């Protein structure tokens, strides 16, 4: 807490007291408050009217029971969450996560981060997040449909294209979004396309949405590298994960001339010094839904699988590291290994994948570091573009959408870079992202009154 301005320490202490045991939420609040000392020193009016305290408190937290029937006829019970964190800039916007680890603390951390991420895009969207402790792994399509319909039977009353617009996240893809949107349409008797994003193209989705988070992270890191007179061309890159974000990060890095040599899943990682075969990876993960070890078996000579209990993907030498799996996957020890092996840049594709110790190590070691709230904002930016297309009953080409995404990501990079310089911390993208996002939300809240 000593790294936080003394005027802001009581705010963090109060958050910890009132949200006991929610360590990820505490971590997210701590990181933002660390950056705000310079802001309140220059602009003390942000301390008035409990503005920062209000930003740290969700506007609404919804927790509900989800009963559903499995294929054996047994009733199962899960818990659903939707945290509508901040609507100062527009309707709540953020994904739904289905994973056994989901609890209210994790959803609050994600919603808090989402508020600033959405603000950085410059689009008129607020921040929210939701999900359930339901595990879709091993469940049939029929079970997932019944679960999604039960969830939406309760949640639909809290949603609307001008109120709250969910999307996908871990465990929630096009199939789940389709089932949830279908039930929403059935219950409301309206085809309200803009109430969900990440939809299939057949019923109002946007081209480039699937690719957007991975592509966006790569665009951001490319812009960051260019500030040092270099780029991805010829760079050795490691990307953790093997889901959508990781796959499309790999695709865009390869298009920029980089060589991705490793990727992973929860069972371990594969090392392929010849460069990851993207089509093979897509077949294994997108089509067959197999473990990453299958990649090494099918790739053959030159590809190796290392189990999770035998080593970390961050042991691999690289120029650029792009953590794209889950929160707190990259520790201080991992950061030290990467720095020792000569990493020059890190771009977060996942939400808060680097621990505070890792971030400090990168900053102290002179490594360019792109925080997730800025670097992975491409997904939600393209979701906002999907909302725009739905509102105008239009559908853009892939190239049109990607061009808008590239412009937005360059704008986010430049905003973070310039804000860090303005507040006396050149090159500190964490501080730049936190301050730029905060100021946009705070200015809107000041004008809207105490609500």
Protein backbone atom coordinates (compact mmCIF):
# COMPACT_ATOMS: atom_id res chain seq x y z
CA UNK A 1 0.00 0.00 0.00
CA UNK A 2 3.01 2.31 0.43
CA UNK A 3 3.21 2.74 -3.36
CA UNK A 4 -0.20 4.48 -3.28
CA UNK A 5 -0.60 8.20 -2.59
CA UNK A 6 -1.59 8.77 1.05
CA UNK A 7 -4.81 10.51 -0.02
CA UNK A 8 -5.89 7.33 -1.83
CA UNK A 9 -4.88 4.73 0.79
CA UNK A 10 -8.14 4.99 2.77
CA UNK A 11 -10.05 4.19 -0.44
CA UNK A 12 -8.11 0.94 -0.94
CA UNK A 13 -8.46 0.03 2.76
CA UNK A 14 -12.21 0.51 2.50
CA UNK A 15 -12.44 -1.61 -0.68
CA UNK A 16 -10.53 -4.44 1.02
CA UNK A 17 -12.71 -4.22 4.15
CA UNK A 18 -15.99 -4.21 2.22
CA UNK A 19 -14.98 -6.89 -0.31
CA UNK A 20 -13.26 -9.39 1.97
CA UNK A 21 -11.49 -12.32 0.31
CA UNK A 22 -11.81 -10.95 -3.24
CA UNK A 23 -8.08 -10.88 -3.97
CA UNK A 24 -8.33 -10.35 -7.75
CA UNK A 25 -10.63 -7.35 -7.22
CA UNK A 26 -8.25 -5.91 -4.62
CA UNK A 27 -5.35 -6.37 -7.05
CA UNK A 28 -7.17 -4.55 -9.87
CA UNK A 29 -8.14 -1.61 -7.62
CA UNK A 30 -4.58 -1.41 -6.20
CA UNK A 31 -3.04 -1.20 -9.68
CA UNK A 32 -5.29 1.68 -10.75
CA UNK A 33 -4.93 3.63 -7.48
CA UNK A 34 -1.13 3.35 -7.77
CA UNK A 35 -1.36 5.38 -10.98
CA UNK A 36 -3.75 8.06 -9.71
CA UNK A 37 -1.42 9.84 -7.27
CA UNK A 38 -0.04 11.96 -10.12
CA UNK A 39 -3.58 12.78 -11.27
CA UNK A 40 -4.92 13.99 -7.92
CA UNK A 41 -1.72 15.99 -7.34
CA UNK A 42 -2.41 17.92 -10.57
CA UNK A 43 -6.20 17.85 -10.38
CA UNK A 44 -7.33 17.60 -6.72
CA UNK A 45 -10.98 18.08 -7.74
CA UNK A 46 -11.09 14.36 -8.57
CA UNK A 47 -11.07 13.74 -4.80
CA UNK A 48 -14.35 15.67 -4.42
CA UNK A 49 -17.81 14.10 -4.02
CA UNK A 50 -16.35 10.62 -3.36
CA UNK A 51 -15.75 10.31 -7.11
CA UNK A 52 -12.97 7.71 -6.88
CA UNK A 53 -14.89 5.76 -4.21
CA UNK A 54 -17.89 5.63 -6.56
CA UNK A 55 -15.74 4.41 -9.45
CA UNK A 56 -14.53 1.55 -7.21
CA UNK A 57 -18.08 0.48 -6.31
CA UNK A 58 -20.23 -1.36 -8.91
CA UNK A 59 -23.52 0.30 -9.74
CA UNK A 60 -25.31 -3.05 -9.50
CA UNK A 61 -24.40 -6.66 -8.61
CA UNK A 62 -26.79 -9.43 -9.64
CA UNK A 63 -26.37 -12.97 -8.24
CA UNK A 64 -28.91 -15.67 -9.06
CA UNK A 65 -29.64 -19.40 -9.07
CA UNK A 66 -29.51 -21.35 -12.35
CA UNK A 67 -31.36 -24.70 -12.15
CA UNK A 68 -31.11 -26.96 -15.21
CA UNK A 69 -31.60 -30.62 -16.13
CA UNK A 70 -28.70 -32.76 -17.40
CA UNK A 71 -28.94 -35.57 -19.96
CA UNK A 72 -29.51 -38.11 -17.18
CA UNK A 73 -32.57 -36.21 -15.97
CA UNK A 74 -30.80 -34.94 -12.83
CA UNK A 75 -31.34 -31.35 -11.72
CA UNK A 76 -28.12 -29.36 -11.47
CA UNK A 77 -27.65 -26.00 -9.75
CA UNK A 78 -25.18 -23.31 -10.73
CA UNK A 79 -24.76 -19.71 -9.70
CA UNK A 80 -25.01 -16.81 -12.15
CA UNK A 81 -23.47 -13.34 -11.89
CA UNK A 82 -23.76 -10.02 -13.68
CA UNK A 83 -21.86 -7.03 -12.32
CA UNK A 84 -22.98 -3.79 -13.96
CA UNK A 85 -19.99 -1.75 -12.95
CA UNK A 86 -20.21 1.67 -14.57
CA UNK A 87 -22.53 3.25 -17.15
CA UNK A 88 -21.13 6.79 -17.22
CA UNK A 89 -20.07 6.45 -20.87
CA UNK A 90 -22.84 4.21 -22.19
CA UNK A 91 -24.63 0.88 -21.63
CA UNK A 92 -22.78 -1.72 -19.59
CA UNK A 93 -20.60 -3.80 -21.92
CA UNK A 94 -18.59 -6.92 -21.15
CA UNK A 95 -18.44 -10.66 -21.64
CA UNK A 96 -19.95 -13.69 -19.94
CA UNK A 97 -17.50 -16.29 -18.54
CA UNK A 98 -18.44 -19.94 -17.88
CA UNK A 99 -15.77 -21.59 -15.70
CA UNK A 100 -15.72 -23.38 -12.31
CA UNK A 101 -13.43 -20.65 -10.89
CA UNK A 102 -16.01 -17.90 -11.42
CA UNK A 103 -17.15 -16.05 -8.30
CA UNK A 104 -18.34 -12.54 -7.56
CA UNK A 105 -14.79 -11.28 -6.82
CA UNK A 106 -13.47 -12.38 -10.20
CA UNK A 107 -16.47 -10.90 -12.02
CA UNK A 108 -16.00 -7.60 -10.14
CA UNK A 109 -12.30 -7.47 -11.05
CA UNK A 110 -13.16 -8.13 -14.70
CA UNK A 111 -15.94 -5.52 -14.67
CA UNK A 112 -13.66 -2.90 -13.10
CA UNK A 113 -10.94 -3.54 -15.70
CA UNK A 114 -13.58 -3.53 -18.44
CA UNK A 115 -14.74 -0.05 -17.46
CA UNK A 116 -11.34 1.48 -18.20
CA UNK A 117 -10.66 -0.74 -21.21
CA UNK A 118 -13.94 0.34 -22.79
CA UNK A 119 -13.18 3.98 -22.02
CA UNK A 120 -9.83 3.69 -23.83
CA UNK A 121 -11.54 2.63 -27.06
CA UNK A 122 -13.22 6.04 -27.30
CA UNK A 123 -16.52 4.26 -27.98
CA UNK A 124 -19.73 5.11 -26.03
CA UNK A 125 -19.80 2.00 -23.82
CA UNK A 126 -19.72 1.47 -20.06
CA UNK A 127 -18.23 -1.48 -18.20
CA UNK A 128 -19.71 -4.74 -16.94
CA UNK A 129 -19.01 -8.46 -16.73
CA UNK A 130 -20.89 -11.64 -15.97
CA UNK A 131 -20.79 -15.41 -15.96
CA UNK A 132 -21.35 -18.59 -14.00
CA UNK A 133 -19.44 -21.33 -12.20
CA UNK A 134 -20.87 -23.74 -14.82
CA UNK A 135 -18.21 -25.87 -16.57
CA UNK A 136 -19.10 -26.50 -20.24
CA UNK A 137 -16.31 -29.08 -20.66
CA UNK A 138 -17.72 -32.54 -21.27
CA UNK A 139 -21.30 -31.28 -21.55
CA UNK A 140 -23.49 -32.09 -24.55
CA UNK A 141 -24.93 -29.40 -26.82
CA UNK A 142 -28.37 -30.12 -25.35
CA UNK A 143 -27.11 -29.62 -21.78
CA UNK A 144 -25.39 -26.36 -22.71
CA UNK A 145 -28.57 -25.16 -24.43
CA UNK A 146 -30.72 -25.92 -21.38
CA UNK A 147 -28.21 -24.23 -19.09
CA UNK A 148 -28.03 -21.08 -21.27
CA UNK A 149 -31.83 -20.90 -21.48
CA UNK A 150 -32.20 -21.19 -17.71
CA UNK A 151 -29.55 -18.50 -17.15
CA UNK A 152 -31.24 -16.12 -19.58
CA UNK A 153 -34.68 -16.72 -18.04
CA UNK A 154 -33.42 -14.71 -15.07
CA UNK A 155 -30.83 -12.43 -16.67
CA UNK A 156 -32.97 -11.17 -19.59
CA UNK A 157 -34.81 -8.67 -17.37
CA UNK A 158 -31.50 -6.87 -16.66
CA UNK A 159 -30.33 -6.57 -20.29
CA UNK A 160 -31.12 -4.36 -23.29
CA UNK A 161 -29.23 -2.70 -26.14
CA UNK A 162 -29.41 0.62 -24.24
CA UNK A 163 -28.91 -1.01 -20.82
CA UNK A 164 -26.44 -3.92 -20.77
CA UNK A 165 -24.86 -5.76 -23.71
CA UNK A 166 -23.06 -9.05 -22.92
CA UNK A 167 -20.64 -10.95 -25.16
CA UNK A 168 -18.41 -14.03 -24.94
CA UNK A 169 -15.41 -14.81 -22.74
CA UNK A 170 -13.78 -18.00 -21.44
CA UNK A 171 -16.19 -20.90 -21.99
CA UNK A 172 -18.61 -18.77 -23.98
CA UNK A 173 -18.37 -18.78 -27.77
CA UNK A 174 -20.75 -18.51 -30.70
CA UNK A 175 -22.79 -21.55 -29.65
CA UNK A 176 -23.48 -20.24 -26.14
CA UNK A 177 -24.21 -16.71 -27.37
CA UNK A 178 -26.70 -18.15 -29.87
CA UNK A 179 -28.55 -20.08 -27.17
CA UNK A 180 -28.63 -17.06 -24.82
CA UNK A 181 -29.74 -14.64 -27.53
CA UNK A 182 -32.41 -17.09 -28.71
CA UNK A 183 -33.91 -17.30 -25.23
CA UNK A 184 -33.70 -13.51 -24.81
CA UNK A 185 -35.60 -13.07 -28.11
CA UNK A 186 -38.20 -15.62 -27.06
CA UNK A 187 -38.84 -14.03 -23.66
CA UNK A 188 -38.95 -10.43 -24.91
CA UNK A 189 -40.74 -11.06 -28.21
CA UNK A 190 -38.25 -8.72 -29.94
CA UNK A 191 -35.37 -9.25 -32.35
CA UNK A 192 -33.09 -6.83 -30.50
CA UNK A 193 -29.83 -7.67 -32.31
CA UNK A 194 -27.72 -5.13 -30.42
CA UNK A 195 -28.31 -6.77 -27.02
CA UNK A 196 -25.54 -9.34 -27.59
CA UNK A 197 -22.24 -9.13 -29.46
CA UNK A 198 -20.09 -11.97 -30.71
CA UNK A 199 -23.12 -13.29 -32.63
CA UNK A 200 -22.89 -15.47 -35.72
CA UNK A 201 -22.93 -13.62 -39.04
CA UNK A 202 -26.27 -15.28 -39.89
CA UNK A 203 -28.16 -13.21 -37.34
CA UNK A 204 -26.30 -9.93 -36.94
CA UNK A 205 -22.69 -10.68 -36.02
CA UNK A 206 -19.68 -8.73 -37.20
CA UNK A 207 -16.85 -9.91 -39.40
CA UNK A 208 -13.44 -9.82 -37.67
CA UNK A 209 -15.00 -10.17 -34.19
CA UNK A 210 -13.48 -13.62 -33.64
CA UNK A 211 -10.03 -12.34 -34.62
CA UNK A 212 -10.30 -8.94 -32.94
CA UNK A 213 -8.68 -9.46 -29.51
CA UNK A 214 -5.64 -11.29 -30.87
CA UNK A 215 -5.27 -8.96 -33.84
CA UNK A 216 -5.72 -5.92 -31.62
CA UNK A 217 -3.07 -7.02 -29.14
CA UNK A 218 -0.64 -7.52 -32.02
CA UNK A 219 -1.42 -4.09 -33.50
CA UNK A 220 -0.79 -2.51 -30.08
CA UNK A 221 2.55 -4.28 -29.55
CA UNK A 222 3.60 -3.45 -33.12
CA UNK A 223 2.96 0.26 -32.38
CA UNK A 224 4.88 -0.07 -29.11
CA UNK A 225 7.86 -1.67 -30.86
CA UNK A 226 7.81 1.07 -33.50
CA UNK A 227 8.44 3.71 -30.80
CA UNK A 228 11.87 2.02 -30.46
CA UNK A 229 12.45 1.89 -34.22
CA UNK A 230 11.68 -1.80 -34.65
CA UNK A 231 8.72 -4.15 -35.31
CA UNK A 232 7.71 -7.84 -35.31
CA UNK A 233 9.66 -8.72 -38.46
CA UNK A 234 12.22 -11.40 -37.59
CA UNK A 235 11.29 -11.46 -33.89
CA UNK A 236 10.97 -14.70 -31.92
CA UNK A 237 7.61 -14.70 -30.12
CA UNK A 238 5.97 -16.82 -27.41
CA UNK A 239 2.16 -16.79 -27.05
CA UNK A 240 0.54 -18.56 -24.09
CA UNK A 241 -2.86 -20.16 -24.54
CA UNK A 242 -4.38 -21.77 -27.61
CA UNK A 243 -7.89 -20.34 -27.65
CA UNK A 244 -9.26 -17.58 -29.87
CA UNK A 245 -7.02 -14.84 -28.49
CA UNK A 246 -3.83 -16.89 -28.81
CA UNK A 247 -4.65 -18.32 -32.25
CA UNK A 248 -5.36 -14.95 -33.83
CA UNK A 249 -2.42 -13.33 -32.07
CA UNK A 250 -0.25 -15.99 -33.72
CA UNK A 251 -1.92 -15.37 -37.10
CA UNK A 252 -1.31 -11.61 -37.02
CA UNK A 253 2.25 -11.91 -35.63
CA UNK A 254 3.09 -14.26 -38.50
CA UNK A 255 1.61 -11.81 -41.01
CA UNK A 256 3.94 -9.13 -39.58
CA UNK A 257 6.96 -11.40 -40.11
CA UNK A 258 7.38 -12.69 -36.55
CA UNK A 259 8.05 -16.33 -35.71
CA UNK A 260 5.88 -17.80 -32.93
CA UNK A 261 7.73 -20.78 -31.44
CA UNK A 262 5.50 -21.81 -28.49
CA UNK A 263 1.88 -21.91 -27.33
CA UNK A 264 0.09 -23.75 -24.54
CA UNK A 265 -3.00 -24.98 -22.76
CA UNK A 266 -3.61 -26.01 -19.14
CA UNK A 267 -1.83 -29.35 -19.70
CA UNK A 268 1.49 -27.82 -20.79
CA UNK A 269 3.09 -26.16 -23.81
CA UNK A 270 4.53 -27.04 -27.21
CA UNK A 271 7.86 -25.75 -28.49
CA UNK A 272 8.30 -25.67 -32.27
CA UNK A 273 11.52 -23.89 -33.24
CA UNK A 274 10.50 -24.02 -36.91
CA UNK A 275 7.49 -21.84 -36.09
CA UNK A 276 3.97 -22.85 -35.05
CA UNK A 277 1.95 -24.43 -37.88
CA UNK A 278 -1.18 -22.33 -37.53
CA UNK A 279 -3.46 -24.50 -39.67
CA UNK A 280 -2.52 -27.58 -37.63
CA UNK A 281 -3.12 -25.68 -34.37
CA UNK A 282 -6.54 -24.49 -35.59
CA UNK A 283 -7.49 -28.04 -36.59
CA UNK A 284 -6.49 -29.43 -33.17
CA UNK A 285 -8.08 -26.68 -31.08
CA UNK A 286 -10.98 -25.29 -33.14
CA UNK A 287 -12.12 -28.43 -34.92
CA UNK A 288 -11.09 -31.40 -32.81
CA UNK A 289 -10.95 -29.72 -29.36
CA UNK A 290 -7.90 -31.81 -28.37
CA UNK A 291 -5.07 -31.12 -25.94
CA UNK A 292 -1.99 -29.19 -27.09
CA UNK A 293 0.16 -32.35 -26.78
CA UNK A 294 -1.55 -33.59 -29.95
CA UNK A 295 0.21 -30.80 -31.86
CA UNK A 296 3.65 -32.26 -31.09
CA UNK A 297 2.51 -35.77 -32.07
CA UNK A 298 1.10 -34.66 -35.42
CA UNK A 299 3.77 -32.07 -36.21
CA UNK A 300 6.54 -34.61 -35.73
CA UNK A 301 10.25 -33.78 -35.82
CA UNK A 302 11.20 -30.46 -34.24
CA UNK A 303 8.07 -30.05 -32.10
CA UNK A 304 8.12 -30.98 -28.41
CA UNK A 305 5.45 -31.09 -25.71
CA UNK A 306 6.43 -30.11 -22.15
CA UNK A 307 3.88 -30.96 -19.45
CA UNK A 308 2.77 -28.22 -17.03
CA UNK A 309 4.48 -29.95 -14.10
CA UNK A 310 7.78 -30.15 -16.03
CA UNK A 311 8.24 -26.54 -17.06
CA UNK A 312 6.69 -23.18 -17.97
CA UNK A 313 6.17 -21.67 -21.39
CA UNK A 314 7.98 -18.61 -20.04
CA UNK A 315 11.20 -20.65 -19.90
CA UNK A 316 11.39 -20.35 -23.70
CA UNK A 317 13.80 -17.72 -25.08
CA UNK A 318 11.95 -14.97 -26.99
CA UNK A 319 12.04 -11.34 -28.06
CA UNK A 320 8.32 -10.76 -27.43
CA UNK A 321 6.05 -12.52 -24.90
CA UNK A 322 2.26 -12.37 -25.28
CA UNK A 323 0.40 -13.93 -22.31
CA UNK A 324 -3.04 -14.80 -23.71
CA UNK A 325 -4.47 -17.49 -21.42
CA UNK A 326 -5.82 -16.31 -18.04
CA UNK A 327 -5.26 -14.03 -15.04
CA UNK A 328 -2.03 -14.21 -13.02
CA UNK A 329 -0.44 -16.81 -15.30
CA UNK A 330 2.90 -14.97 -15.49
CA UNK A 331 4.64 -14.64 -12.10
CA UNK A 332 7.56 -12.57 -10.88
CA UNK A 333 9.79 -15.62 -11.26
CA UNK A 334 8.61 -16.09 -14.85
CA UNK A 335 9.30 -12.41 -15.56
CA UNK A 336 12.83 -12.75 -14.21
CA UNK A 337 13.43 -15.72 -16.53
CA UNK A 338 12.10 -13.82 -19.55
CA UNK A 339 14.27 -10.78 -18.74
CA UNK A 340 17.35 -12.98 -18.29
CA UNK A 341 16.64 -14.53 -21.70
CA UNK A 342 16.45 -11.13 -23.39
CA UNK A 343 12.74 -10.35 -23.81
CA UNK A 344 12.20 -6.78 -25.07
CA UNK A 345 8.39 -6.47 -25.05
CA UNK A 346 5.35 -8.02 -23.38
CA UNK A 347 1.76 -7.61 -24.62
CA UNK A 348 -1.13 -8.89 -22.47
CA UNK A 349 -3.79 -10.64 -24.55
CA UNK A 350 -5.61 -11.98 -21.48
CA UNK A 351 -7.10 -9.96 -18.62
CA UNK A 352 -4.48 -9.25 -15.92
CA UNK A 353 -2.26 -12.27 -16.83
CA UNK A 354 0.84 -10.77 -15.19
CA UNK A 355 1.12 -10.59 -11.41
CA UNK A 356 2.08 -7.25 -9.80
CA UNK A 357 5.56 -8.69 -9.14
CA UNK A 358 5.94 -9.54 -12.83
CA UNK A 359 4.83 -6.07 -13.95
CA UNK A 360 7.31 -4.41 -11.58
CA UNK A 361 10.10 -6.68 -12.83
CA UNK A 362 9.37 -5.78 -16.45
CA UNK A 363 9.24 -2.06 -15.70
CA UNK A 364 12.41 -2.14 -13.60
CA UNK A 365 14.13 -4.21 -16.29
CA UNK A 366 13.35 -1.74 -19.07
CA UNK A 367 11.00 -4.14 -20.88
CA UNK A 368 8.19 -2.51 -22.87
CA UNK A 369 4.97 -3.66 -21.21
CA UNK A 370 1.46 -3.37 -22.68
CA UNK A 371 -1.26 -3.94 -20.02
CA UNK A 372 -4.34 -5.94 -20.94
CA UNK A 373 -6.82 -3.11 -20.41
CA UNK A 374 -5.16 -1.36 -23.37
CA UNK A 375 -3.59 -4.14 -25.44
CA UNK A 376 -6.56 -6.52 -25.52
CA UNK A 377 -9.23 -3.85 -26.04
CA UNK A 378 -9.62 -4.89 -29.68
CA UNK A 379 -12.29 -7.42 -28.79
CA UNK A 380 -14.64 -4.99 -27.10
CA UNK A 381 -13.86 -2.29 -29.68
CA UNK A 382 -15.07 -4.63 -32.43
CA UNK A 383 -18.09 -5.52 -30.28
CA UNK A 384 -18.95 -1.81 -30.26
CA UNK A 385 -18.57 -1.83 -34.05
CA UNK A 386 -21.00 -4.78 -34.13
CA UNK A 387 -23.48 -2.72 -32.09
CA UNK A 388 -23.02 0.13 -34.58
CA UNK A 389 -23.74 -2.19 -37.53
CA UNK A 390 -26.82 -3.61 -35.77
CA UNK A 391 -28.17 -0.12 -35.03
CA UNK A 392 -27.85 0.90 -38.70
CA UNK A 393 -29.06 -2.48 -40.06
CA UNK A 394 -25.72 -2.73 -41.89
CA UNK A 395 -22.98 -5.32 -42.33
CA UNK A 396 -19.40 -4.34 -43.09
CA UNK A 397 -16.76 -6.34 -44.95
CA UNK A 398 -13.90 -7.99 -43.07
CA UNK A 399 -11.43 -5.45 -44.48
CA UNK A 400 -13.62 -2.49 -43.43
CA UNK A 401 -13.93 -3.82 -39.89
CA UNK A 402 -10.26 -4.70 -39.53
CA UNK A 403 -9.25 -1.26 -40.81
CA UNK A 404 -11.43 0.35 -38.09
CA UNK A 405 -9.90 -2.01 -35.51
CA UNK A 406 -6.34 -1.08 -36.57
CA UNK A 407 -7.19 2.64 -36.31
CA UNK A 408 -8.74 2.19 -32.84
CA UNK A 409 -5.76 0.19 -31.53
CA UNK A 410 -3.28 2.76 -32.86
CA UNK A 411 -5.36 5.45 -31.13
CA UNK A 412 -5.35 3.53 -27.83
CA UNK A 413 -1.58 3.07 -28.05
CA UNK A 414 -0.97 6.75 -28.79
CA UNK A 415 -3.32 7.87 -26.00
CA UNK A 416 -1.53 5.67 -23.43
CA UNK A 417 1.92 6.72 -24.69
CA UNK A 418 1.10 10.45 -24.64
CA UNK A 419 -0.67 10.31 -21.26
CA UNK A 420 2.34 8.59 -19.66
CA UNK A 421 4.62 11.32 -21.05
CA UNK A 422 2.25 14.08 -19.89
CA UNK A 423 2.30 12.74 -16.33
CA UNK A 424 6.10 12.39 -16.22
CA UNK A 425 6.43 8.64 -16.78
CA UNK A 426 7.44 8.17 -20.44
CA UNK A 427 7.10 4.58 -21.65
CA UNK A 428 4.94 3.52 -18.69
CA UNK A 429 1.89 2.12 -20.51
CA UNK A 430 0.31 0.85 -17.27
CA UNK A 431 0.19 4.37 -15.86
CA UNK A 432 -0.85 5.84 -19.22
CA UNK A 433 -3.72 3.37 -19.66
CA UNK A 434 -4.97 3.73 -16.09
CA UNK A 435 -4.93 7.52 -16.14
CA UNK A 436 -6.40 7.93 -19.62
CA UNK A 437 -9.24 5.49 -18.87
CA UNK A 438 -9.88 7.01 -15.45
CA UNK A 439 -10.01 10.60 -16.70
CA UNK A 440 -12.56 9.78 -19.41
CA UNK A 441 -14.85 7.96 -16.96
CA UNK A 442 -14.34 10.51 -14.17
CA UNK A 443 -15.10 13.52 -16.37
CA UNK A 444 -18.37 11.96 -17.48
CA UNK A 445 -19.31 11.10 -13.88
CA UNK A 446 -18.60 14.66 -12.71
CA UNK A 447 -20.97 16.06 -15.34
CA UNK A 448 -23.74 13.54 -14.54
CA UNK A 449 -23.91 14.47 -10.84
CA UNK A 450 -23.83 12.25 -7.75
CA UNK A 451 -25.68 9.15 -8.96
